[in-house]
Protein backbone atom coordinates (compact mmCIF):
# COMPACT_ATOMS: atom_id res chain seq x y z
CA MET A 1 -67.48 -28.08 16.59
CA ARG A 2 -66.07 -31.63 16.86
CA PHE A 3 -66.99 -32.26 13.21
CA HIS A 4 -65.27 -29.02 12.16
CA LYS A 5 -62.05 -29.96 14.01
CA HIS A 6 -61.95 -33.43 12.45
CA PHE A 7 -62.60 -31.94 9.01
CA LEU A 8 -59.76 -29.44 9.35
CA LEU A 9 -57.32 -32.12 10.56
CA LEU A 10 -58.19 -34.31 7.58
CA LEU A 11 -57.72 -31.36 5.24
CA LEU A 12 -54.34 -30.62 6.83
CA PHE A 13 -52.90 -34.03 6.01
CA THR A 14 -54.53 -34.24 2.57
CA THR A 15 -53.17 -30.83 1.48
CA ALA A 16 -49.69 -31.57 2.84
CA ASN A 17 -49.44 -34.78 0.78
CA THR A 18 -50.68 -33.01 -2.33
CA PHE A 19 -48.08 -30.23 -2.26
CA ALA A 20 -45.19 -32.26 -0.86
CA GLN A 21 -44.43 -33.46 -4.39
CA ASN A 22 -43.47 -29.87 -5.32
CA ALA A 23 -41.61 -28.91 -2.16
CA GLY A 24 -38.98 -26.20 -2.30
CA GLU A 25 -40.68 -22.84 -2.74
CA TRP A 26 -43.88 -24.07 -1.16
CA SER A 27 -44.65 -23.80 2.54
CA PHE A 28 -47.55 -24.73 4.75
CA ASN A 29 -49.19 -22.37 7.28
CA ILE A 30 -51.55 -23.01 10.17
CA ASP A 31 -53.12 -19.82 11.61
CA LEU A 32 -55.05 -19.03 14.78
CA ASN A 33 -56.83 -15.66 14.96
CA SER A 34 -58.35 -13.89 17.93
CA ASN A 35 -60.12 -10.72 16.80
CA GLN A 36 -61.67 -7.75 18.55
CA THR A 37 -64.74 -6.43 16.77
CA ASN A 38 -66.34 -3.00 16.81
CA GLY A 39 -70.12 -3.08 16.70
CA SER A 40 -73.35 -1.76 18.16
CA LEU A 41 -76.87 -3.00 18.85
CA ARG A 42 -79.07 -3.01 15.74
CA GLU A 43 -81.80 -0.41 15.94
CA ASN A 44 -84.61 -2.83 15.08
CA TRP A 45 -84.48 -4.50 18.51
CA PRO A 46 -87.24 -2.99 20.74
CA ILE A 47 -85.25 -3.15 23.96
CA ARG A 48 -86.09 -0.88 26.88
CA GLN A 49 -82.85 0.56 28.16
CA ASP A 50 -82.06 3.10 30.84
CA VAL A 51 -85.17 2.47 32.91
CA GLY A 52 -84.66 4.16 36.26
CA ALA A 53 -81.35 5.68 35.21
CA SER A 54 -79.46 7.96 37.55
CA TYR A 55 -76.44 10.25 37.38
CA PHE A 56 -73.43 10.44 39.66
CA ASP A 57 -69.90 11.86 39.50
CA SER A 58 -70.62 13.41 36.09
CA TYR A 59 -70.87 9.92 34.55
CA TYR A 60 -74.02 8.37 33.14
CA TYR A 61 -75.13 5.17 34.83
CA SER A 62 -78.08 2.81 34.35
CA SER A 63 -78.65 -0.51 36.04
CA ASN A 64 -80.84 -1.58 33.11
CA ARG A 65 -78.54 -0.78 30.23
CA VAL A 66 -77.65 -3.80 28.09
CA SER A 67 -74.17 -4.63 26.87
CA THR A 68 -73.15 -6.12 23.53
CA ASP A 69 -70.38 -8.60 22.87
CA LEU A 70 -68.97 -10.41 19.86
CA ILE A 71 -66.36 -13.18 19.78
CA PHE A 72 -64.72 -13.46 16.37
CA SER A 73 -62.22 -16.31 16.02
CA GLN A 74 -60.65 -18.05 13.03
CA ILE A 75 -58.43 -20.99 12.12
CA SER A 76 -56.75 -21.29 8.73
CA ILE A 77 -54.79 -23.82 6.71
CA ARG A 78 -52.82 -22.02 3.96
CA PRO A 79 -50.37 -23.40 1.39
CA GLU A 80 -47.99 -20.54 0.48
CA TYR A 81 -45.85 -19.99 -2.60
CA GLN A 82 -42.75 -17.75 -2.75
CA LEU A 83 -43.04 -15.41 -5.75
CA ILE A 84 -39.73 -13.80 -4.84
CA GLN A 85 -37.59 -16.01 -2.62
CA ASP A 86 -38.09 -14.99 1.01
CA LYS A 87 -39.43 -11.54 -0.05
CA LEU A 88 -42.89 -11.81 -1.55
CA SER A 89 -45.34 -14.68 -1.21
CA VAL A 90 -48.96 -15.46 -2.02
CA SER A 91 -51.16 -17.90 -0.14
CA SER A 92 -54.66 -19.33 -0.13
CA GLY A 93 -56.39 -22.30 1.45
CA ILE A 94 -59.25 -22.92 3.86
CA ARG A 95 -60.39 -20.67 6.74
CA PHE A 96 -62.99 -21.52 9.38
CA THR A 97 -64.68 -18.45 10.95
CA HIS A 98 -66.84 -18.45 14.08
CA LEU A 99 -68.95 -15.41 14.99
CA GLN A 100 -70.71 -15.34 18.34
CA SER A 101 -72.73 -12.23 19.18
CA GLU A 102 -74.68 -11.54 22.35
CA ILE A 103 -76.95 -8.96 23.97
CA SER A 104 -77.06 -9.25 27.74
CA LYS A 105 -77.46 -7.42 31.00
CA TYR A 106 -74.10 -6.77 32.65
CA ASP A 107 -75.33 -8.77 35.68
CA SER A 108 -77.20 -11.48 33.74
CA GLU A 109 -75.18 -14.28 35.35
CA SER A 110 -76.48 -13.26 38.76
CA GLY A 111 -80.09 -12.93 37.63
CA GLY A 112 -80.16 -9.50 35.95
CA TYR A 113 -82.52 -8.97 33.03
CA PHE A 114 -83.70 -6.40 30.51
CA PHE A 115 -87.06 -5.83 28.82
CA ILE A 116 -87.97 -6.52 25.19
CA ARG A 117 -91.35 -5.83 23.57
CA TYR A 118 -92.81 -9.05 22.18
CA LYS A 119 -96.39 -7.95 21.51
CA SER A 120 -97.91 -4.61 20.59
CA ASP A 121 -101.29 -3.26 19.51
CA PRO A 122 -102.93 0.19 19.49
CA MET A 123 -104.14 -0.31 23.05
CA SER A 124 -101.08 -1.74 24.84
CA SER A 125 -97.61 -3.27 24.63
CA GLU A 126 -96.29 -6.33 26.42
CA TYR A 127 -92.68 -6.87 27.45
CA ALA A 128 -90.71 -9.98 28.34
CA ARG A 129 -87.87 -10.09 30.86
CA ILE A 130 -84.73 -11.54 29.24
CA HIS A 131 -81.29 -12.43 30.58
CA SER A 132 -79.57 -12.58 27.18
CA ILE A 133 -79.95 -13.18 23.43
CA SER A 134 -77.10 -14.95 21.65
CA GLU A 135 -76.35 -16.00 18.09
CA GLU A 136 -73.59 -18.20 16.68
CA THR A 137 -72.71 -18.43 12.98
CA ALA A 138 -69.95 -20.46 11.32
CA TYR A 139 -68.43 -19.91 7.88
CA LEU A 140 -66.01 -21.95 5.81
CA GLY A 141 -64.12 -19.82 3.32
CA ILE A 142 -61.13 -19.17 1.11
CA PRO A 143 -58.56 -16.48 2.00
CA LEU A 144 -56.19 -14.84 -0.49
CA GLU A 145 -53.18 -13.13 1.09
CA PHE A 146 -49.95 -11.45 0.00
CA GLN A 147 -46.98 -11.11 2.35
CA LEU A 148 -44.02 -8.77 1.89
CA THR A 149 -40.88 -9.45 3.92
CA PRO A 150 -38.42 -6.59 3.22
CA PHE A 151 -35.42 -8.09 5.05
CA ARG A 152 -34.30 -10.79 7.44
CA PHE A 153 -31.89 -10.20 10.30
CA ARG A 154 -30.56 -13.55 11.38
CA LYS A 155 -33.65 -15.39 12.67
CA LEU A 156 -35.93 -12.34 12.80
CA ALA A 157 -37.92 -11.14 9.79
CA PRO A 158 -40.57 -8.36 9.93
CA TYR A 159 -43.36 -8.49 7.35
CA VAL A 160 -46.54 -6.82 6.11
CA ARG A 161 -49.56 -8.81 4.99
CA ILE A 162 -52.70 -7.79 3.10
CA GLY A 163 -55.54 -10.08 2.24
CA SER A 164 -59.20 -10.76 1.73
CA GLU A 165 -61.48 -13.71 2.25
CA LEU A 166 -64.83 -15.04 1.15
CA GLY A 167 -66.66 -17.53 3.34
CA PHE A 168 -69.92 -19.43 3.04
CA LYS A 169 -72.24 -20.14 5.94
CA ILE A 170 -72.28 -23.72 7.20
CA SER A 171 -74.35 -23.28 10.37
CA SER A 172 -76.30 -20.71 12.39
CA PHE A 173 -77.97 -20.92 15.80
CA ASN A 174 -79.64 -18.46 18.18
CA GLU A 175 -80.96 -18.65 21.74
CA ILE A 176 -83.01 -16.42 24.04
CA LYS A 177 -82.65 -16.92 27.79
CA PHE A 178 -85.82 -15.66 29.47
CA PHE A 179 -86.22 -14.67 33.10
CA SER A 180 -89.25 -16.95 33.21
CA GLU A 181 -89.06 -20.38 31.56
CA SER A 182 -92.75 -20.15 30.62
CA MET A 183 -91.89 -17.40 28.10
CA LYS A 184 -89.82 -19.76 25.92
CA VAL A 185 -92.82 -20.27 23.64
CA TYR A 186 -92.26 -16.70 22.35
CA SER A 187 -88.63 -17.29 21.38
CA ASP A 188 -89.18 -18.09 17.68
CA ALA A 189 -91.74 -15.31 17.29
CA ILE A 190 -89.32 -12.72 18.70
CA MET A 191 -86.46 -13.84 16.44
CA GLN A 192 -88.70 -13.89 13.37
CA GLN A 193 -90.12 -10.45 14.15
CA TYR A 194 -86.89 -8.61 14.99
CA GLY A 195 -83.99 -10.77 13.88
CA PHE A 196 -83.10 -12.33 10.54
CA GLU A 197 -81.16 -15.28 9.22
CA PRO A 198 -77.49 -14.21 8.83
CA GLN A 199 -76.61 -13.97 5.17
CA GLY A 200 -75.10 -16.93 3.40
CA PHE A 201 -71.64 -15.48 2.79
CA PHE A 202 -69.01 -13.50 4.66
CA ALA A 203 -66.21 -11.30 3.33
CA THR A 204 -63.46 -9.12 4.80
CA LEU A 205 -60.55 -6.98 3.70
CA ASN A 206 -57.69 -7.12 6.20
CA SER A 207 -54.07 -6.10 6.74
CA SER A 208 -51.49 -6.80 9.41
CA VAL A 209 -47.89 -6.31 10.49
CA GLY A 210 -45.81 -8.94 12.22
CA PHE A 211 -42.53 -10.77 12.50
CA SER A 212 -41.21 -14.29 11.97
CA LEU A 213 -38.89 -16.15 14.30
CA GLY A 214 -36.77 -18.82 12.63
CA ALA A 215 -34.10 -19.29 9.98
CA ALA A 216 -34.87 -18.96 6.27
CA GLY A 217 -36.02 -22.25 4.80
CA LYS A 218 -36.80 -23.65 8.26
CA ILE A 219 -39.88 -23.78 10.45
CA ASN A 220 -40.94 -20.24 11.41
CA TYR A 221 -43.20 -18.95 14.18
CA ASN A 222 -45.19 -15.91 13.08
CA PHE A 223 -46.71 -13.28 15.38
CA GLU A 224 -48.78 -10.50 13.86
CA PHE A 225 -51.18 -7.72 14.78
CA LEU A 226 -54.21 -7.11 12.59
CA LEU A 227 -54.57 -3.45 11.70
CA PRO A 228 -58.09 -1.95 11.66
CA SER A 229 -59.81 -4.06 8.99
CA LEU A 230 -63.17 -4.06 7.24
CA PHE A 231 -66.20 -6.30 6.93
CA LEU A 232 -67.35 -6.22 3.31
CA THR A 233 -70.67 -7.81 4.27
CA ASN A 234 -73.09 -6.28 6.77
CA ARG A 235 -75.70 -8.91 7.69
CA ASN A 236 -73.55 -11.49 9.45
CA SER A 237 -75.27 -10.88 12.79
CA SER A 238 -78.94 -10.17 13.39
CA LEU A 239 -78.09 -8.68 16.80
CA LEU A 240 -75.21 -6.29 16.06
CA ASP A 241 -74.04 -3.90 13.37
CA LEU A 242 -70.40 -4.86 12.74
CA ASP A 243 -68.14 -1.91 11.90
CA GLY A 244 -64.63 -3.34 11.73
CA PHE A 245 -62.12 -5.49 13.55
CA SER A 246 -58.52 -5.83 14.66
CA GLY A 247 -56.72 -8.49 16.63
CA PHE A 248 -53.85 -10.91 16.92
CA ARG A 249 -52.75 -13.87 14.80
CA PHE A 250 -50.30 -16.65 15.54
CA SER A 251 -49.18 -18.95 12.74
CA LEU A 252 -46.77 -21.79 12.18
CA ARG A 253 -45.00 -21.80 8.79
CA ILE A 254 -43.51 -25.11 7.68
CA PRO A 255 -41.52 -25.33 4.39
CA LEU A 256 -42.71 -28.42 2.56
CA SER A 257 -39.08 -29.41 1.99
CA GLN A 258 -38.94 -29.88 5.77
CA LEU A 259 -41.99 -32.14 5.67
CA ARG A 260 -40.48 -34.25 2.90
CA ALA A 261 -37.11 -34.48 4.69
CA SER A 262 -38.81 -35.71 7.87
CA LYS A 263 -40.38 -38.71 6.10
């Protein structure tokens, strides 16, 4: 992660110097995304759930049921060009995407575990006790986005944005935390048998609504809510099936004329 941060900072200053020569209708955006993802456990994982389940108060309960989680965060650096002054703009640039998926017992931090089959033959099956399985994948990609700002009222301007992105995998890592350390020798075999290497590219189609705070032609602070959006690729996690996502984005928009004036 330290390498990624240094790379993005270097790209920030390099891109700013490149476009500063044509300041005026150009601006510079830095985005931070926090996304909520809809997904479910992939069916290929032979996990024993609901062992010893019970019912109470008309609700289903199982102390052995696993939970799934996915953290989907992004950071972007986007030069933006005004096609129609302060109304319609197009932007592209560089976007770093981090996907972290996990299967765990709800009480894994206090020692809880679930069972996964790691060996099977016609006579018997053997199960391992596991606290959690996690996977992290990073992509570096190019977004393409269009923003429509219908009007501006003093220092407040609502807008609609639609975009897509294509990213390419730069790293991938997975880890199985076993109840017994002696079972670690089966980690690679389990991942090879039931998981897969996340595919080499990543694509989404997304839309959002938001508002800008700041005067026209000055530094603006953008706050937007991602509407239900789509993954165009479906093998970006070997643990979960990813259905869609929504979330929140904060961005800082700096007209390049402001950068040139500050020199």
